Amino acid sequence: MSFENAPPRGEELIAEINRLRRERNAVILAHYYQSPDIQDIADFIGDSLQLSQLAAETDADVIAFCGVKFMADTAKILSPEKTVVLPDMDAGCSLEDSCPPEKFKAFREAHPDHIALTYINCSTEVKALSDVIVTSSSAETILEQIPKDQKIIFGPDRHLGGYLSRKFNREMLLWPGVCIVHEAFSETELLKLKEQYPDAPIAAHPECPPTIVDHADYVGSTSGILKFAKDFDGDTLIVATEPHIMHQMEKALPEKTFIGAPGADGNCNCNICPYMALNTMEKLYVALRDLEPRIEIEEELRVKAKKSLDAMLELAKGTVGQGDLGRVISKADG
């Protein structure tokens, strides 16, 4: 980038982002795992699907999604008429990377009697190959509506799938993907921390391995963990998910103390998502200025992927009878 086109700095950078937001009729979305400065300038902060739904309801022409690529892709799937930009196109996800579409397609074909419940942390192509997408907040409600004799593939997160399998006593074929952030927490260091704060509950994301989840007082999505932080009795909470969520906790609850669950080296620095960290205020400014990098999805693929998202949205209401499951689910023909 030439000097003339370099982003401004400090307060001028914030002012320019706000100017471009108005001129582009843009909405800025920030996932809870983004840095505090990006969270503070966003129009909406939240979980990935929630953000895409909120953006779809606005009259914005442009969505600037400060998150990772599968999240921006989801926004485009739900809002094809809007321009969707991602500050850094290299902001990926280890779960998405673990599940290449061609391998997932072969896996599905090898198990034709299984339906595919697929975590939203996956590519558009994998969504198009799936029956129902789930989020960490909707997965339990959806699983409860699936007949006990229906065989299930769950991917790409084996820890979330394993948690659901144990909780509901449901056998599922689990894809072997993991989140590198939640995989990094240390049970040994967590127990040491618990000794220091014996009265502090532990809130964990279900992407964590069983060695962490089994010690948790609350297991749930990022928005669920945030709600638990507001509701629990006490003044100290140990948080086992990406630590940037604590920015929202500290803003809303300055009277409480939040401690990030440690990694193997005794601190939580290794648990900062390296993909989320690729987005910066400077890159957000450039994305709004140039409307690049831009998310583009071929229409036939978008429609196929949207079917599995639509199935999730209907099942997440919790009102679908088991006899209606076939109506809700449209098998991807890949």
C-alpha atoms as a PDB file:
ATOM      1  CA  MET A   1       0.000   0.000   0.000  1.00  0.00           C
ATOM      2  CA  SER A   2       1.379   3.394  -0.947  1.00  0.00           C
ATOM      3  CA  PHE A   3       1.931   6.097   1.640  1.00  0.00           C
ATOM      4  CA  GLU A   4      -0.808   8.203   0.068  1.00  0.00           C
ATOM      5  CA  ASN A   5      -3.356   5.429   0.564  1.00  0.00           C
ATOM      6  CA  ALA A   6      -2.261   4.467   4.069  1.00  0.00           C
ATOM      7  CA  PRO A   7      -5.042   4.461   6.698  1.00  0.00           C
ATOM      8  CA  PRO A   8      -5.199   7.378   9.152  1.00  0.00           C
ATOM      9  CA  ARG A   9      -4.371   6.834  12.809  1.00  0.00           C
ATOM     10  CA  GLY A  10      -5.920   7.341  16.235  1.00  0.00           C
ATOM     11  CA  GLU A  11      -9.035   9.495  16.504  1.00  0.00           C
ATOM     12  CA  GLU A  12      -8.838  10.330  12.804  1.00  0.00           C
ATOM     13  CA  LEU A  13      -9.087   6.623  11.972  1.00  0.00           C
ATOM     14  CA  ILE A  14     -12.257   6.308  14.063  1.00  0.00           C
ATOM     15  CA  ALA A  15     -13.705   9.429  12.447  1.00  0.00           C
ATOM     16  CA  GLU A  16     -12.957   8.112   8.952  1.00  0.00           C
ATOM     17  CA  ILE A  17     -14.541   4.726   9.686  1.00  0.00           C
ATOM     18  CA  ASN A  18     -17.650   6.524  10.918  1.00  0.00           C
ATOM     19  CA  ARG A  19     -17.678   8.749   7.817  1.00  0.00           C
ATOM     20  CA  LEU A  20     -17.381   5.757   5.501  1.00  0.00           C
ATOM     21  CA  ARG A  21     -20.054   3.894   7.442  1.00  0.00           C
ATOM     22  CA  ARG A  22     -22.479   6.736   6.754  1.00  0.00           C
ATOM     23  CA  GLU A  23     -21.462   7.238   3.123  1.00  0.00           C
ATOM     24  CA  ARG A  24     -21.606   3.534   2.284  1.00  0.00           C
ATOM     25  CA  ASN A  25     -24.798   2.977   4.275  1.00  0.00           C
ATOM     26  CA  ALA A  26     -22.871   0.226   6.004  1.00  0.00           C
ATOM     27  CA  VAL A  27     -23.454  -1.806   9.130  1.00  0.00           C
ATOM     28  CA  ILE A  28     -20.391  -2.965  11.072  1.00  0.00           C
ATOM     29  CA  LEU A  29     -20.605  -6.361  12.785  1.00  0.00           C
ATOM     30  CA  ALA A  30     -18.150  -7.603  15.398  1.00  0.00           C
ATOM     31  CA  HIS A  31     -17.948 -11.069  16.890  1.00  0.00           C
ATOM     32  CA  TYR A  32     -17.279 -11.311  20.624  1.00  0.00           C
ATOM     33  CA  TYR A  33     -13.775 -12.585  19.823  1.00  0.00           C
ATOM     34  CA  GLN A  34     -12.723  -9.380  18.087  1.00  0.00           C
ATOM     35  CA  SER A  35     -10.379  -6.879  19.740  1.00  0.00           C
ATOM     36  CA  PRO A  36     -11.984  -4.302  22.048  1.00  0.00           C
ATOM     37  CA  ASP A  37     -11.460  -1.368  19.648  1.00  0.00           C
ATOM     38  CA  ILE A  38     -13.385  -3.184  16.908  1.00  0.00           C
ATOM     39  CA  GLN A  39     -16.118  -4.220  19.338  1.00  0.00           C
ATOM     40  CA  ASP A  40     -16.480  -0.630  20.486  1.00  0.00           C
ATOM     41  CA  ILE A  41     -17.004   0.777  16.987  1.00  0.00           C
ATOM     42  CA  ALA A  42     -19.410  -1.940  15.803  1.00  0.00           C
ATOM     43  CA  ASP A  43     -23.126  -1.453  15.305  1.00  0.00           C
ATOM     44  CA  PHE A  44     -23.787  -4.982  16.532  1.00  0.00           C
ATOM     45  CA  ILE A  45     -21.716  -7.361  18.690  1.00  0.00           C
ATOM     46  CA  GLY A  46     -22.655 -11.000  19.087  1.00  0.00           C
ATOM     47  CA  ASP A  47     -22.497 -14.614  17.920  1.00  0.00           C
ATOM     48  CA  SER A  48     -21.931 -15.296  14.238  1.00  0.00           C
ATOM     49  CA  LEU A  49     -25.451 -16.281  13.155  1.00  0.00           C
ATOM     50  CA  GLN A  50     -27.106 -13.663  15.337  1.00  0.00           C
ATOM     51  CA  LEU A  51     -24.989 -10.985  13.673  1.00  0.00           C
ATOM     52  CA  SER A  52     -25.915 -12.160  10.176  1.00  0.00           C
ATOM     53  CA  GLN A  53     -29.597 -12.159  11.087  1.00  0.00           C
ATOM     54  CA  LEU A  54     -29.407  -8.654  12.562  1.00  0.00           C
ATOM     55  CA  ALA A  55     -27.636  -7.359   9.458  1.00  0.00           C
ATOM     56  CA  ALA A  56     -30.262  -8.947   7.197  1.00  0.00           C
ATOM     57  CA  GLU A  57     -32.964  -6.998   9.024  1.00  0.00           C
ATOM     58  CA  THR A  58     -31.298  -3.633   8.408  1.00  0.00           C
ATOM     59  CA  ASP A  59     -31.620  -1.440   5.319  1.00  0.00           C
ATOM     60  CA  ALA A  60     -27.821  -1.287   5.013  1.00  0.00           C
ATOM     61  CA  ASP A  61     -26.285  -1.643   1.560  1.00  0.00           C
ATOM     62  CA  VAL A  62     -22.958  -2.887   2.945  1.00  0.00           C
ATOM     63  CA  ILE A  63     -22.108  -5.374   5.700  1.00  0.00           C
ATOM     64  CA  ALA A  64     -18.608  -5.094   7.141  1.00  0.00           C
ATOM     65  CA  PHE A  65     -18.203  -8.342   9.077  1.00  0.00           C
ATOM     66  CA  CYS A  66     -15.388  -8.271  11.613  1.00  0.00           C
ATOM     67  CA  GLY A  67     -15.107 -11.964  12.267  1.00  0.00           C
ATOM     68  CA  VAL A  68     -13.888 -14.893  10.195  1.00  0.00           C
ATOM     69  CA  LYS A  69     -14.720 -15.934   6.662  1.00  0.00           C
ATOM     70  CA  PHE A  70     -17.430 -18.510   7.344  1.00  0.00           C
ATOM     71  CA  MET A  71     -19.282 -15.820   9.307  1.00  0.00           C
ATOM     72  CA  ALA A  72     -19.090 -13.323   6.453  1.00  0.00           C
ATOM     73  CA  ASP A  73     -20.164 -16.089   4.074  1.00  0.00           C
ATOM     74  CA  THR A  74     -23.233 -16.713   6.248  1.00  0.00           C
ATOM     75  CA  ALA A  75     -24.087 -13.021   6.104  1.00  0.00           C
ATOM     76  CA  LYS A  76     -23.924 -13.187   2.295  1.00  0.00           C
ATOM     77  CA  ILE A  77     -26.078 -16.333   2.230  1.00  0.00           C
ATOM     78  CA  LEU A  78     -28.792 -14.515   4.203  1.00  0.00           C
ATOM     79  CA  SER A  79     -28.342 -11.131   2.460  1.00  0.00           C
ATOM     80  CA  PRO A  80     -27.375 -11.817  -1.158  1.00  0.00           C
ATOM     81  CA  GLU A  81     -28.446  -8.341  -2.239  1.00  0.00           C
ATOM     82  CA  LYS A  82     -26.002  -6.642   0.131  1.00  0.00           C
ATOM     83  CA  THR A  83     -22.281  -6.110  -0.382  1.00  0.00           C
ATOM     84  CA  VAL A  84     -20.401  -8.076   2.289  1.00  0.00           C
ATOM     85  CA  VAL A  85     -16.779  -7.265   3.075  1.00  0.00           C
ATOM     86  CA  LEU A  86     -14.335  -8.992   5.417  1.00  0.00           C
ATOM     87  CA  PRO A  87     -11.395  -6.860   6.609  1.00  0.00           C
ATOM     88  CA  ASP A  88      -8.931  -9.721   6.075  1.00  0.00           C
ATOM     89  CA  MET A  89      -9.817 -12.588   3.741  1.00  0.00           C
ATOM     90  CA  ASP A  90      -7.201 -14.768   5.468  1.00  0.00           C
ATOM     91  CA  ALA A  91      -9.287 -14.721   8.658  1.00  0.00           C
ATOM     92  CA  GLY A  92     -10.266 -18.370   8.512  1.00  0.00           C
ATOM     93  CA  CYS A  93     -11.187 -21.037  11.052  1.00  0.00           C
ATOM     94  CA  SER A  94      -9.476 -24.261  12.053  1.00  0.00           C
ATOM     95  CA  LEU A  95     -12.830 -26.050  12.126  1.00  0.00           C
ATOM     96  CA  GLU A  96     -13.633 -24.999   8.572  1.00  0.00           C
ATOM     97  CA  ASP A  97     -10.134 -26.001   7.478  1.00  0.00           C
ATOM     98  CA  SER A  98     -10.544 -29.433   9.078  1.00  0.00           C
ATOM     99  CA  CYS A  99     -13.520 -30.290   6.883  1.00  0.00           C
ATOM    100  CA  PRO A 100     -12.753 -30.044   3.132  1.00  0.00           C
ATOM    101  CA  PRO A 101     -15.988 -30.268   1.120  1.00  0.00           C
ATOM    102  CA  GLU A 102     -14.823 -33.146  -1.084  1.00  0.00           C
ATOM    103  CA  LYS A 103     -13.917 -35.282   1.942  1.00  0.00           C
ATOM    104  CA  PHE A 104     -17.167 -34.411   3.724  1.00  0.00           C
ATOM    105  CA  LYS A 105     -19.127 -35.331   0.584  1.00  0.00           C
ATOM    106  CA  ALA A 106     -17.386 -38.729   0.437  1.00  0.00           C
ATOM    107  CA  PHE A 107     -18.057 -39.263   4.147  1.00  0.00           C
ATOM    108  CA  ARG A 108     -21.750 -38.534   3.648  1.00  0.00           C
ATOM    109  CA  GLU A 109     -21.940 -40.877   0.668  1.00  0.00           C
ATOM    110  CA  ALA A 110     -20.365 -43.646   2.748  1.00  0.00           C
ATOM    111  CA  HIS A 111     -23.180 -43.262   5.325  1.00  0.00           C
ATOM    112  CA  PRO A 112     -26.350 -42.696   3.291  1.00  0.00           C
ATOM    113  CA  ASP A 113     -28.676 -43.576   6.185  1.00  0.00           C
ATOM    114  CA  HIS A 114     -27.318 -40.714   8.322  1.00  0.00           C
ATOM    115  CA  ILE A 115     -28.462 -37.116   8.344  1.00  0.00           C
ATOM    116  CA  ALA A 116     -25.790 -34.443   8.723  1.00  0.00           C
ATOM    117  CA  LEU A 117     -26.042 -32.001  11.605  1.00  0.00           C
ATOM    118  CA  THR A 118     -23.241 -29.584  10.868  1.00  0.00           C
ATOM    119  CA  TYR A 119     -21.863 -26.870  13.098  1.00  0.00           C
ATOM    120  CA  ILE A 120     -22.059 -23.427  11.530  1.00  0.00           C
ATOM    121  CA  ASN A 121     -18.246 -23.170  11.698  1.00  0.00           C
ATOM    122  CA  CYS A 122     -17.851 -24.656   8.229  1.00  0.00           C
ATOM    123  CA  SER A 123     -17.596 -23.564   4.615  1.00  0.00           C
ATOM    124  CA  THR A 124     -20.528 -22.654   2.382  1.00  0.00           C
ATOM    125  CA  GLU A 125     -19.814 -25.804   0.370  1.00  0.00           C
ATOM    126  CA  VAL A 126     -20.137 -27.993   3.479  1.00  0.00           C
ATOM    127  CA  LYS A 127     -23.341 -26.190   4.466  1.00  0.00           C
ATOM    128  CA  ALA A 128     -24.699 -27.079   1.022  1.00  0.00           C
ATOM    129  CA  LEU A 129     -23.876 -30.750   1.700  1.00  0.00           C
ATOM    130  CA  SER A 130     -25.613 -30.719   5.098  1.00  0.00           C
ATOM    131  CA  ASP A 131     -29.185 -31.311   6.244  1.00  0.00           C
ATOM    132  CA  VAL A 132     -29.299 -29.011   9.256  1.00  0.00           C
ATOM    133  CA  ILE A 133     -26.830 -26.404  10.441  1.00  0.00           C
ATOM    134  CA  VAL A 134     -26.565 -25.941  14.203  1.00  0.00           C
ATOM    135  CA  THR A 135     -25.044 -23.315  16.432  1.00  0.00           C
ATOM    136  CA  SER A 136     -23.743 -23.885  19.932  1.00  0.00           C
ATOM    137  CA  SER A 137     -26.910 -22.201  21.239  1.00  0.00           C
ATOM    138  CA  SER A 138     -29.421 -24.108  19.046  1.00  0.00           C
ATOM    139  CA  ALA A 139     -27.826 -27.573  18.857  1.00  0.00           C
ATOM    140  CA  GLU A 140     -29.532 -29.018  21.939  1.00  0.00           C
ATOM    141  CA  THR A 141     -33.013 -27.866  20.938  1.00  0.00           C
ATOM    142  CA  ILE A 142     -32.518 -29.259  17.439  1.00  0.00           C
ATOM    143  CA  LEU A 143     -31.119 -32.609  18.591  1.00  0.00           C
ATOM    144  CA  GLU A 144     -34.099 -33.145  20.905  1.00  0.00           C
ATOM    145  CA  GLN A 145     -36.449 -33.038  17.886  1.00  0.00           C
ATOM    146  CA  ILE A 146     -34.618 -35.728  15.925  1.00  0.00           C
ATOM    147  CA  PRO A 147     -35.987 -39.268  16.416  1.00  0.00           C
ATOM    148  CA  LYS A 148     -33.835 -41.523  18.558  1.00  0.00           C
ATOM    149  CA  ASP A 149     -33.509 -44.079  15.769  1.00  0.00           C
ATOM    150  CA  GLN A 150     -32.263 -41.537  13.223  1.00  0.00           C
ATOM    151  CA  LYS A 151     -28.550 -41.963  12.601  1.00  0.00           C
ATOM    152  CA  ILE A 152     -26.529 -38.744  12.721  1.00  0.00           C
ATOM    153  CA  ILE A 153     -23.274 -37.395  11.376  1.00  0.00           C
ATOM    154  CA  PHE A 154     -22.005 -34.438  13.373  1.00  0.00           C
ATOM    155  CA  GLY A 155     -19.193 -32.224  12.152  1.00  0.00           C
ATOM    156  CA  PRO A 156     -16.827 -30.593  12.025  1.00  0.00           C
ATOM    157  CA  ASP A 157     -16.307 -30.091  15.795  1.00  0.00           C
ATOM    158  CA  ARG A 158     -15.825 -33.407  17.583  1.00  0.00           C
ATOM    159  CA  HIS A 159     -15.812 -31.711  20.992  1.00  0.00           C
ATOM    160  CA  LEU A 160     -19.210 -30.051  20.524  1.00  0.00           C
ATOM    161  CA  GLY A 161     -20.528 -33.260  18.985  1.00  0.00           C
ATOM    162  CA  GLY A 162     -19.100 -35.327  21.828  1.00  0.00           C
ATOM    163  CA  TYR A 163     -20.624 -33.025  24.427  1.00  0.00           C
ATOM    164  CA  LEU A 164     -24.054 -33.387  22.807  1.00  0.00           C
ATOM    165  CA  SER A 165     -23.618 -37.139  22.457  1.00  0.00           C
ATOM    166  CA  ARG A 166     -22.826 -37.523  26.154  1.00  0.00           C
ATOM    167  CA  LYS A 167     -25.533 -35.165  27.364  1.00  0.00           C
ATOM    168  CA  PHE A 168     -28.333 -36.728  25.299  1.00  0.00           C
ATOM    169  CA  ASN A 169     -26.987 -40.297  25.184  1.00  0.00           C
ATOM    170  CA  ARG A 170     -27.055 -40.160  21.382  1.00  0.00           C
ATOM    171  CA  GLU A 171     -24.551 -42.088  19.318  1.00  0.00           C
ATOM    172  CA  MET A 172     -23.226 -39.938  16.481  1.00  0.00           C
ATOM    173  CA  LEU A 173     -20.509 -40.241  13.876  1.00  0.00           C
ATOM    174  CA  LEU A 174     -18.168 -37.380  14.719  1.00  0.00           C
ATOM    175  CA  TRP A 175     -15.981 -35.568  12.230  1.00  0.00           C
ATOM    176  CA  PRO A 176     -12.520 -35.180  13.830  1.00  0.00           C
ATOM    177  CA  GLY A 177     -12.174 -31.368  13.704  1.00  0.00           C
ATOM    178  CA  VAL A 178     -11.308 -29.126  16.650  1.00  0.00           C
ATOM    179  CA  CYS A 179     -11.042 -25.416  17.392  1.00  0.00           C
ATOM    180  CA  ILE A 180      -7.387 -24.585  17.999  1.00  0.00           C
ATOM    181  CA  VAL A 181      -8.385 -21.895  20.516  1.00  0.00           C
ATOM    182  CA  HIS A 182     -10.535 -24.074  22.761  1.00  0.00           C
ATOM    183  CA  GLU A 183      -8.182 -27.027  22.352  1.00  0.00           C
ATOM    184  CA  ALA A 184      -5.415 -24.964  23.967  1.00  0.00           C
ATOM    185  CA  PHE A 185      -6.901 -24.806  27.470  1.00  0.00           C
ATOM    186  CA  SER A 186      -5.057 -26.840  30.098  1.00  0.00           C
ATOM    187  CA  GLU A 187      -6.928 -28.972  32.623  1.00  0.00           C
ATOM    188  CA  THR A 188      -3.935 -28.954  34.977  1.00  0.00           C
ATOM    189  CA  GLU A 189      -3.639 -25.172  34.915  1.00  0.00           C
ATOM    190  CA  LEU A 190      -7.421 -24.764  35.203  1.00  0.00           C
ATOM    191  CA  LEU A 191      -7.446 -26.859  38.391  1.00  0.00           C
ATOM    192  CA  LYS A 192      -4.590 -24.775  39.792  1.00  0.00           C
ATOM    193  CA  LEU A 193      -6.603 -21.634  39.058  1.00  0.00           C
ATOM    194  CA  LYS A 194      -9.683 -23.158  40.685  1.00  0.00           C
ATOM    195  CA  GLU A 195      -7.633 -23.763  43.837  1.00  0.00           C
ATOM    196  CA  GLN A 196      -6.871 -20.039  43.949  1.00  0.00           C
ATOM    197  CA  TYR A 197     -10.530 -19.117  43.420  1.00  0.00           C
ATOM    198  CA  PRO A 198     -12.519 -22.009  44.929  1.00  0.00           C
ATOM    199  CA  ASP A 199     -15.801 -20.071  44.939  1.00  0.00           C
ATOM    200  CA  ALA A 200     -15.547 -18.941  41.331  1.00  0.00           C
ATOM    201  CA  PRO A 201     -17.695 -20.907  38.879  1.00  0.00           C
ATOM    202  CA  ILE A 202     -16.306 -21.957  35.513  1.00  0.00           C
ATOM    203  CA  ALA A 203     -18.145 -21.091  32.280  1.00  0.00           C
ATOM    204  CA  ALA A 204     -16.977 -23.025  29.225  1.00  0.00           C
ATOM    205  CA  HIS A 205     -17.792 -23.129  25.546  1.00  0.00           C
ATOM    206  CA  PRO A 206     -18.750 -26.623  24.289  1.00  0.00           C
ATOM    207  CA  GLU A 207     -15.940 -26.415  21.720  1.00  0.00           C
ATOM    208  CA  CYS A 208     -13.631 -27.126  24.678  1.00  0.00           C
ATOM    209  CA  PRO A 209     -12.444 -30.716  25.163  1.00  0.00           C
ATOM    210  CA  PRO A 210     -14.108 -32.894  27.829  1.00  0.00           C
ATOM    211  CA  THR A 211     -11.194 -32.307  30.213  1.00  0.00           C
ATOM    212  CA  ILE A 212     -12.359 -28.673  30.448  1.00  0.00           C
ATOM    213  CA  VAL A 213     -16.116 -29.032  29.970  1.00  0.00           C
ATOM    214  CA  ASP A 214     -16.370 -31.644  32.746  1.00  0.00           C
ATOM    215  CA  HIS A 215     -15.183 -29.038  35.277  1.00  0.00           C
ATOM    216  CA  ALA A 216     -17.576 -26.333  34.109  1.00  0.00           C
ATOM    217  CA  ASP A 217     -20.527 -25.037  36.088  1.00  0.00           C
ATOM    218  CA  TYR A 218     -22.030 -23.675  32.883  1.00  0.00           C
ATOM    219  CA  VAL A 219     -21.538 -24.845  29.291  1.00  0.00           C
ATOM    220  CA  GLY A 220     -22.884 -22.731  26.447  1.00  0.00           C
ATOM    221  CA  SER A 221     -22.382 -20.423  23.491  1.00  0.00           C
ATOM    222  CA  THR A 222     -20.572 -17.104  23.727  1.00  0.00           C
ATOM    223  CA  SER A 223     -23.865 -15.253  24.184  1.00  0.00           C
ATOM    224  CA  GLY A 224     -24.920 -17.866  26.738  1.00  0.00           C
ATOM    225  CA  ILE A 225     -21.678 -17.413  28.672  1.00  0.00           C
ATOM    226  CA  LEU A 226     -22.225 -13.648  28.647  1.00  0.00           C
ATOM    227  CA  LYS A 227     -25.718 -14.108  30.078  1.00  0.00           C
ATOM    228  CA  PHE A 228     -24.389 -16.480  32.734  1.00  0.00           C
ATOM    229  CA  ALA A 229     -21.800 -13.844  33.686  1.00  0.00           C
ATOM    230  CA  LYS A 230     -24.620 -11.391  34.317  1.00  0.00           C
ATOM    231  CA  ASP A 231     -26.816 -13.840  36.220  1.00  0.00           C
ATOM    232  CA  PHE A 232     -24.511 -15.883  38.451  1.00  0.00           C
ATOM    233  CA  ASP A 233     -24.270 -15.155  42.168  1.00  0.00           C
ATOM    234  CA  GLY A 234     -20.760 -14.169  43.139  1.00  0.00           C
ATOM    235  CA  ASP A 235     -18.112 -11.710  42.082  1.00  0.00           C
ATOM    236  CA  THR A 236     -15.548 -13.836  40.191  1.00  0.00           C
ATOM    237  CA  LEU A 237     -15.947 -16.001  37.092  1.00  0.00           C
ATOM    238  CA  ILE A 238     -13.444 -18.205  35.280  1.00  0.00           C
ATOM    239  CA  VAL A 239     -14.084 -18.030  31.532  1.00  0.00           C
ATOM    240  CA  ALA A 240     -13.041 -20.889  29.217  1.00  0.00           C
ATOM    241  CA  THR A 241     -13.456 -19.417  25.775  1.00  0.00           C
ATOM    242  CA  GLU A 242     -11.636 -16.846  23.627  1.00  0.00           C
ATOM    243  CA  PRO A 243     -10.738 -14.093  26.123  1.00  0.00           C
ATOM    244  CA  HIS A 244     -11.947 -11.081  24.106  1.00  0.00           C
ATOM    245  CA  ILE A 245     -15.502 -11.868  25.234  1.00  0.00           C
ATOM    246  CA  MET A 246     -14.455 -10.566  28.638  1.00  0.00           C
ATOM    247  CA  HIS A 247     -14.410  -7.037  27.215  1.00  0.00           C
ATOM    248  CA  GLN A 248     -18.205  -7.096  27.069  1.00  0.00           C
ATOM    249  CA  MET A 249     -18.402  -8.648  30.538  1.00  0.00           C
ATOM    250  CA  GLU A 250     -16.160  -5.986  32.035  1.00  0.00           C
ATOM    251  CA  LYS A 251     -18.117  -3.189  30.372  1.00  0.00           C
ATOM    252  CA  ALA A 252     -21.478  -4.511  31.569  1.00  0.00           C
ATOM    253  CA  LEU A 253     -20.346  -5.753  34.980  1.00  0.00           C
ATOM    254  CA  PRO A 254     -17.469  -3.627  36.299  1.00  0.00           C
ATOM    255  CA  GLU A 255     -18.188  -4.825  39.823  1.00  0.00           C
ATOM    256  CA  LYS A 256     -17.283  -8.431  38.910  1.00  0.00           C
ATOM    257  CA  THR A 257     -13.914 -10.042  38.152  1.00  0.00           C
ATOM    258  CA  PHE A 258     -13.397 -12.225  35.076  1.00  0.00           C
ATOM    259  CA  ILE A 259     -10.426 -14.524  34.698  1.00  0.00           C
ATOM    260  CA  GLY A 260      -9.514 -16.269  31.467  1.00  0.00           C
ATOM    261  CA  ALA A 261      -8.958 -20.010  31.742  1.00  0.00           C
ATOM    262  CA  PRO A 262      -5.230 -20.699  31.264  1.00  0.00           C
ATOM    263  CA  GLY A 263      -3.349 -22.505  28.561  1.00  0.00           C
ATOM    264  CA  ALA A 264      -0.535 -24.959  29.138  1.00  0.00           C
ATOM    265  CA  ASP A 265       1.903 -22.174  29.990  1.00  0.00           C
ATOM    266  CA  GLY A 266      -0.301 -20.919  32.800  1.00  0.00           C
ATOM    267  CA  ASN A 267      -1.833 -17.931  31.020  1.00  0.00           C
ATOM    268  CA  CYS A 268      -4.526 -17.373  28.394  1.00  0.00           C
ATOM    269  CA  ASN A 269      -2.463 -15.582  25.726  1.00  0.00           C
ATOM    270  CA  CYS A 270      -2.286 -18.758  23.631  1.00  0.00           C
ATOM    271  CA  ASN A 271      -6.092 -18.811  23.599  1.00  0.00           C
ATOM    272  CA  ILE A 272      -6.457 -15.623  21.561  1.00  0.00           C
ATOM    273  CA  CYS A 273      -7.832 -16.631  18.168  1.00  0.00           C
ATOM    274  CA  PRO A 274      -5.093 -15.903  15.606  1.00  0.00           C
ATOM    275  CA  TYR A 275      -7.657 -15.693  12.808  1.00  0.00           C
ATOM    276  CA  MET A 276      -9.852 -13.139  14.575  1.00  0.00           C
ATOM    277  CA  ALA A 277      -6.726 -11.129  15.357  1.00  0.00           C
ATOM    278  CA  LEU A 278      -6.060 -10.614  11.635  1.00  0.00           C
ATOM    279  CA  ASN A 279      -8.857  -8.047  11.505  1.00  0.00           C
ATOM    280  CA  THR A 280      -7.751  -4.580  12.593  1.00  0.00           C
ATOM    281  CA  MET A 281      -9.228  -1.103  12.626  1.00  0.00           C
ATOM    282  CA  GLU A 282      -6.959  -0.153   9.732  1.00  0.00           C
ATOM    283  CA  LYS A 283      -8.176  -3.105   7.647  1.00  0.00           C
ATOM    284  CA  LEU A 284     -11.786  -2.274   8.516  1.00  0.00           C
ATOM    285  CA  TYR A 285     -11.208   1.257   7.226  1.00  0.00           C
ATOM    286  CA  VAL A 286      -9.710  -0.040   3.960  1.00  0.00           C
ATOM    287  CA  ALA A 287     -12.558  -2.545   3.514  1.00  0.00           C
ATOM    288  CA  LEU A 288     -15.141   0.226   3.842  1.00  0.00           C
ATOM    289  CA  ARG A 289     -13.130   2.550   1.622  1.00  0.00           C
ATOM    290  CA  ASP A 290     -12.510   0.072  -1.205  1.00  0.00           C
ATOM    291  CA  LEU A 291     -15.419  -2.360  -0.623  1.00  0.00           C
ATOM    292  CA  GLU A 292     -12.804  -5.101  -0.727  1.00  0.00           C
ATOM    293  CA  PRO A 293     -12.114  -7.919   0.142  1.00  0.00           C
ATOM    294  CA  ARG A 294     -15.635  -8.806  -0.948  1.00  0.00           C
ATOM    295  CA  ILE A 295     -17.551 -12.029  -0.317  1.00  0.00           C
ATOM    296  CA  GLU A 296     -18.956 -13.580  -3.479  1.00  0.00           C
ATOM    297  CA  ILE A 297     -20.981 -16.820  -3.570  1.00  0.00           C
ATOM    298  CA  GLU A 298     -22.339 -18.476  -6.708  1.00  0.00           C
ATOM    299  CA  GLU A 299     -26.147 -18.387  -6.532  1.00  0.00           C
ATOM    300  CA  GLU A 300     -26.820 -22.121  -6.913  1.00  0.00           C
ATOM    301  CA  LEU A 301     -24.391 -22.853  -4.089  1.00  0.00           C
ATOM    302  CA  ARG A 302     -25.890 -20.097  -1.923  1.00  0.00           C
ATOM    303  CA  VAL A 303     -29.396 -21.506  -2.329  1.00  0.00           C
ATOM    304  CA  LYS A 304     -28.245 -25.024  -1.408  1.00  0.00           C
ATOM    305  CA  ALA A 305     -26.431 -23.735   1.668  1.00  0.00           C
ATOM    306  CA  LYS A 306     -29.426 -21.664   2.727  1.00  0.00           C
ATOM    307  CA  LYS A 307     -31.614 -24.790   2.868  1.00  0.00           C
ATOM    308  CA  SER A 308     -29.636 -26.166   5.787  1.00  0.00           C
ATOM    309  CA  LEU A 309     -29.721 -22.784   7.534  1.00  0.00           C
ATOM    310  CA  ASP A 310     -33.479 -22.531   6.997  1.00  0.00           C
ATOM    311  CA  ALA A 311     -33.901 -26.022   8.477  1.00  0.00           C
ATOM    312  CA  MET A 312     -31.940 -24.895  11.532  1.00  0.00           C
ATOM    313  CA  LEU A 313     -34.044 -21.761  11.983  1.00  0.00           C
ATOM    314  CA  GLU A 314     -37.271 -23.771  11.890  1.00  0.00           C
ATOM    315  CA  LEU A 315     -36.023 -26.514  14.205  1.00  0.00           C
ATOM    316  CA  ALA A 316     -34.508 -23.974  16.609  1.00  0.00           C
ATOM    317  CA  LYS A 317     -38.030 -22.821  17.448  1.00  0.00           C
ATOM    318  CA  GLY A 318     -38.513 -26.171  19.185  1.00  0.00           C
ATOM    319  CA  THR A 319     -41.997 -26.673  17.748  1.00  0.00           C
ATOM    320  CA  VAL A 320     -41.338 -29.236  15.011  1.00  0.00           C
ATOM    321  CA  GLY A 321     -42.809 -32.666  15.699  1.00  0.00           C
ATOM    322  CA  GLN A 322     -40.609 -35.667  14.979  1.00  0.00           C
ATOM    323  CA  GLY A 323     -43.010 -36.741  12.272  1.00  0.00           C
ATOM    324  CA  ASP A 324     -42.381 -33.456  10.466  1.00  0.00           C
ATOM    325  CA  LEU A 325     -38.617 -33.822  10.351  1.00  0.00           C
ATOM    326  CA  GLY A 326     -38.651 -35.018   6.750  1.00  0.00           C
ATOM    327  CA  ARG A 327     -40.578 -31.920   5.730  1.00  0.00           C
ATOM    328  CA  VAL A 328     -38.049 -29.623   7.365  1.00  0.00           C
ATOM    329  CA  ILE A 329     -34.951 -31.369   6.100  1.00  0.00           C
ATOM    330  CA  SER A 330     -34.112 -31.233   2.418  1.00  0.00           C
ATOM    331  CA  LYS A 331     -31.296 -33.711   1.766  1.00  0.00           C
ATOM    332  CA  ALA A 332     -28.413 -32.053  -0.039  1.00  0.00           C
ATOM    333  CA  ASP A 333     -27.822 -33.882  -3.291  1.00  0.00           C
ATOM    334  CA  GLY A 334     -24.277 -32.518  -3.596  1.00  0.00           C
END
